[in-house]
Protein backbone atom coordinates (compact mmCIF):
# COMPACT_ATOMS: atom_id res chain seq x y z
CA MET A 1 -30.07 79.77 -60.71
CA ASP A 2 -28.19 80.73 -57.57
CA ALA A 3 -25.40 83.28 -58.10
CA ASN A 4 -22.98 81.16 -56.09
CA GLU A 5 -23.39 78.31 -58.58
CA MET A 6 -22.88 80.49 -61.62
CA THR A 7 -19.74 80.57 -63.74
CA ILE A 8 -19.17 83.49 -66.10
CA ALA A 9 -17.36 82.49 -69.28
CA TRP A 10 -13.97 84.16 -69.65
CA SER A 11 -13.86 86.39 -72.71
CA GLY A 12 -10.34 86.48 -74.07
CA ASN A 13 -8.07 85.58 -76.93
CA ALA A 14 -6.20 82.32 -77.47
CA SER A 15 -3.54 83.23 -74.90
CA GLY A 16 -6.15 83.91 -72.23
CA ASP A 17 -5.52 87.65 -72.14
CA PRO A 18 -8.44 90.10 -72.09
CA VAL A 19 -9.60 91.15 -75.53
CA GLY A 20 -8.45 94.70 -76.14
CA ALA A 21 -7.70 95.03 -72.44
CA SER A 22 -4.92 97.55 -72.89
CA ALA A 23 -7.25 100.12 -74.41
CA SER A 24 -8.38 103.10 -72.35
CA ILE A 25 -12.01 103.37 -71.40
CA GLY A 26 -14.17 106.37 -70.84
CA VAL A 27 -17.49 106.81 -69.07
CA THR A 28 -19.73 105.83 -71.96
CA GLY A 29 -20.11 102.10 -72.53
CA THR A 30 -20.69 100.56 -75.93
CA GLY A 31 -23.28 97.98 -74.92
CA ARG A 32 -22.58 96.45 -78.35
CA ASN A 33 -24.51 99.41 -79.86
CA ALA A 34 -27.85 98.36 -78.41
CA GLY A 35 -30.75 100.83 -78.51
CA PRO A 36 -32.17 102.06 -75.16
CA SER A 37 -35.54 100.34 -75.60
CA GLU A 38 -33.93 97.08 -76.75
CA GLU A 39 -31.53 97.08 -73.81
CA ARG A 40 -34.26 97.88 -71.31
CA ALA A 41 -36.32 94.96 -72.57
CA LEU A 42 -33.27 92.70 -72.27
CA ILE A 43 -32.59 93.86 -68.71
CA GLU A 44 -36.21 93.34 -67.70
CA ARG A 45 -36.12 89.81 -69.10
CA ALA A 46 -32.92 89.11 -67.15
CA GLN A 47 -34.52 90.54 -64.00
CA SER A 48 -37.40 88.11 -64.41
CA GLY A 49 -34.97 85.19 -64.43
CA ASP A 50 -34.27 84.75 -68.15
CA ARG A 51 -30.77 83.20 -68.15
CA GLU A 52 -30.23 83.76 -71.88
CA ALA A 53 -31.04 87.46 -71.49
CA PHE A 54 -28.45 87.79 -68.73
CA GLU A 55 -25.86 85.96 -70.83
CA GLU A 56 -26.53 88.47 -73.61
CA LEU A 57 -25.89 91.33 -71.16
CA VAL A 58 -22.61 89.67 -70.20
CA HIS A 59 -21.70 89.39 -73.88
CA ARG A 60 -22.46 93.08 -74.44
CA TYR A 61 -20.47 94.37 -71.47
CA ASP A 62 -17.74 91.80 -70.87
CA ARG A 63 -15.03 93.71 -72.75
CA ASP A 64 -15.89 96.92 -70.91
CA VAL A 65 -15.61 95.13 -67.56
CA LEU A 66 -12.25 93.62 -68.54
CA ARG A 67 -10.86 96.97 -69.65
CA ILE A 68 -11.99 98.73 -66.49
CA ALA A 69 -10.45 96.04 -64.28
CA LEU A 70 -7.15 95.90 -66.14
CA ASN A 71 -6.83 99.67 -66.41
CA ILE A 72 -7.22 99.98 -62.65
CA LEU A 73 -5.36 96.89 -61.43
CA HIS A 74 -2.75 96.44 -64.23
CA LYS A 75 -2.54 92.72 -63.52
CA THR A 76 -4.25 90.17 -65.78
CA GLU A 77 -4.79 87.67 -62.97
CA ASP A 78 -6.52 90.29 -60.81
CA ALA A 79 -8.58 91.43 -63.80
CA ARG A 80 -9.82 87.84 -64.27
CA ASP A 81 -10.86 87.69 -60.61
CA VAL A 82 -12.67 91.02 -60.84
CA TYR A 83 -14.39 89.92 -64.06
CA GLN A 84 -15.90 86.90 -62.31
CA GLU A 85 -16.73 88.65 -59.06
CA ALA A 86 -18.25 91.73 -60.71
CA PHE A 87 -20.60 89.77 -62.96
CA LEU A 88 -21.69 87.61 -60.03
CA LYS A 89 -22.54 90.80 -58.11
CA ILE A 90 -24.35 92.19 -61.15
CA TYR A 91 -26.37 88.96 -61.42
CA LYS A 92 -27.18 88.94 -57.72
CA ASN A 93 -28.20 92.62 -57.58
CA LEU A 94 -29.89 92.88 -60.98
CA PRO A 95 -33.44 92.79 -59.50
CA ARG A 96 -32.54 96.01 -57.62
CA PHE A 97 -31.63 97.93 -60.79
CA ARG A 98 -34.36 100.57 -61.25
CA PHE A 99 -33.23 102.32 -64.46
CA GLU A 100 -32.40 105.51 -62.53
CA CYS A 101 -29.08 105.63 -64.38
CA SER A 102 -27.71 103.85 -67.44
CA PHE A 103 -26.96 100.16 -67.06
CA TYR A 104 -23.35 100.92 -68.00
CA THR A 105 -22.99 103.47 -65.17
CA TRP A 106 -24.49 100.98 -62.72
CA THR A 107 -22.14 98.24 -63.98
CA TYR A 108 -19.13 100.59 -63.85
CA ARG A 109 -19.90 101.39 -60.21
CA ILE A 110 -19.99 97.71 -59.29
CA VAL A 111 -16.75 96.93 -61.14
CA THR A 112 -14.83 99.84 -59.61
CA ASN A 113 -16.00 98.89 -56.13
CA VAL A 114 -14.82 95.31 -56.67
CA CYS A 115 -11.49 96.72 -57.89
CA LEU A 116 -11.29 98.87 -54.76
CA ASP A 117 -11.80 95.78 -52.60
CA HIS A 118 -8.97 94.05 -54.50
CA LEU A 119 -6.67 97.04 -53.99
CA ARG A 120 -7.42 96.95 -50.27
CA ARG A 121 -6.63 93.25 -50.07
CA ARG A 122 -3.49 93.73 -52.16
CA SER A 123 -2.26 96.53 -49.88
CA SER A 124 -2.58 94.17 -46.90
CA ARG A 125 -0.40 91.57 -48.68
CA PRO A 126 2.91 93.23 -49.65
CA GLU A 127 4.13 90.03 -51.28
CA ASP A 128 1.38 90.42 -53.90
CA GLN A 129 2.43 93.90 -54.97
CA ALA A 130 5.27 92.97 -57.33
CA PRO A 131 4.54 94.52 -60.75
CA GLU A 132 3.57 92.29 -63.64
CA LEU A 133 6.21 92.21 -66.35
CA ALA A 134 5.44 93.78 -69.69
CA SER A 135 6.20 92.07 -73.00
CA ASN A 136 8.10 93.54 -75.92
CA GLN A 137 7.17 93.14 -79.57
CA ASN A 138 8.74 89.67 -79.64
CA GLY A 139 6.64 88.51 -76.70
CA GLU A 140 9.64 88.51 -74.33
CA LYS A 141 9.21 89.67 -70.75
CA MET A 142 10.76 93.05 -69.94
CA SER A 143 11.75 94.65 -66.65
CA GLY A 144 9.59 97.49 -65.38
CA ASP A 145 5.84 97.74 -64.94
CA PHE A 146 2.75 99.44 -66.27
CA PHE A 147 4.19 102.92 -65.80
CA ASP A 148 7.24 102.12 -67.92
CA ARG A 149 4.92 101.44 -70.85
CA GLN A 150 3.76 105.06 -70.82
CA GLN A 151 7.14 106.29 -72.10
CA ASP A 152 7.46 107.56 -75.66
CA GLN A 153 9.23 105.40 -78.20
CA GLY A 154 12.20 107.79 -78.45
CA ALA A 155 13.47 106.52 -75.12
CA MET A 156 13.94 103.05 -76.59
CA SER A 157 16.83 104.22 -78.79
CA ASP A 158 18.60 106.11 -75.97
CA PRO A 159 19.96 103.67 -73.33
CA GLU A 160 20.64 106.41 -70.77
CA ARG A 161 17.19 107.91 -71.25
CA ARG A 162 15.59 104.48 -71.05
CA MET A 163 17.40 103.63 -67.80
CA ARG A 164 16.22 106.89 -66.28
CA GLY A 165 12.70 106.15 -67.51
CA LEU A 166 12.77 102.73 -65.84
CA GLU A 167 13.96 104.29 -62.59
CA ILE A 168 11.19 106.89 -62.75
CA GLY A 169 8.68 104.11 -63.40
CA ARG A 170 9.89 102.13 -60.38
CA ARG A 171 9.76 105.21 -58.17
CA ILE A 172 6.24 106.06 -59.30
CA SER A 173 5.10 102.50 -58.70
CA SER A 174 6.62 102.51 -55.20
CA ALA A 175 5.06 105.88 -54.46
CA LEU A 176 1.63 104.67 -55.56
CA ASP A 177 1.92 101.74 -53.15
CA LEU A 178 2.03 104.28 -50.30
CA LEU A 179 -1.39 105.66 -51.17
CA THR A 180 -4.56 104.32 -49.61
CA PRO A 181 -6.58 102.09 -51.97
CA ARG A 182 -9.14 104.85 -52.57
CA GLU A 183 -6.47 107.51 -53.18
CA ARG A 184 -4.71 105.25 -55.65
CA MET A 185 -7.91 104.40 -57.50
CA VAL A 186 -8.95 108.06 -57.75
CA PHE A 187 -5.48 109.08 -58.97
CA GLU A 188 -5.35 106.37 -61.63
CA MET A 189 -8.94 106.92 -62.79
CA LYS A 190 -8.16 110.61 -63.19
CA HIS A 191 -4.67 110.48 -64.74
CA TYR A 192 -4.60 107.10 -66.52
CA GLN A 193 -8.23 106.76 -67.61
CA GLY A 194 -8.83 110.49 -68.06
CA LEU A 195 -12.16 110.50 -66.20
CA LYS A 196 -13.73 113.69 -64.88
CA LEU A 197 -14.07 114.10 -61.11
CA ARG A 198 -17.86 113.87 -61.31
CA ALA A 199 -17.64 110.62 -63.29
CA ILE A 200 -15.22 109.17 -60.72
CA GLY A 201 -17.61 110.17 -57.94
CA ASP A 202 -20.51 108.51 -59.74
CA ALA A 203 -18.47 105.35 -60.25
CA LEU A 204 -17.40 105.17 -56.61
CA GLY A 205 -20.78 106.23 -55.23
CA THR A 206 -19.43 109.38 -53.59
CA THR A 207 -19.41 113.14 -54.13
CA GLU A 208 -17.22 115.13 -56.48
CA GLU A 209 -15.85 117.05 -53.46
CA THR A 210 -14.78 113.81 -51.76
CA VAL A 211 -13.04 112.70 -54.96
CA LYS A 212 -11.30 116.08 -55.20
CA ASN A 213 -10.02 115.73 -51.62
CA SER A 214 -8.75 112.19 -52.28
CA LEU A 215 -6.99 113.36 -55.44
CA PHE A 216 -5.40 116.27 -53.57
CA ARG A 217 -4.05 113.96 -50.85
CA ALA A 218 -2.76 111.47 -53.43
CA THR A 219 -1.02 114.18 -55.46
CA ARG A 220 0.58 115.69 -52.34
CA LYS A 221 1.91 112.30 -51.23
CA LEU A 222 3.30 111.50 -54.69
CA ARG A 223 5.01 114.88 -55.01
CA ALA A 224 6.66 114.35 -51.65
CA GLN A 225 7.94 110.92 -52.67
CA LEU A 226 9.13 112.02 -56.13
CA GLU A 227 10.66 115.33 -55.15
CA GLY A 228 14.00 115.84 -56.89
CA LEU A 229 13.38 113.05 -59.42
CA LEU A 230 11.02 114.58 -61.97
């Protein structure tokens, strides 16, 4: 079946949100606890054109792909787009997978590159950069964005502290918008996903030294923008 005619089923809950999408993700995928030999056999079947085998791979890695996309992009709509686009790329390029790395690492690299493309497109459309509103425990939309959600719960009971936290969150979000797409991705993969520089380099298909330089530039720009606030 041609990749352009393929539709990947959306894996989500009743509200359409990614399952467990707010959870952090590391560099080791679950693969639904499949053994190496079992997974290799499944991949080889999918490479030979077995549609059911590929659908099983999607089932095993769909939550990982959703988490990666949402952790990087912070917008559910963008995560949905990346989910579809990434699995179509995986399907199209699967015959080229040569087992030189784990299937998860190969998948992670594809997903992060698709996310990078989305960040580039987003940076060229300022009107698309408005932060997605968070929801409180009652499901009501709140002001602020992803960064506001990183505050500790003590701020919720102190109005002055909470207002300052919201202002800090807005300033951080604005400062991140000034980074290049690659600088922003490296910064967020390092500080929000907790990945090591080598793992970021592997995911982006570049060297650890290049990642280190991107992180240095991003940190320097953010410090300049946030000077006097933090």
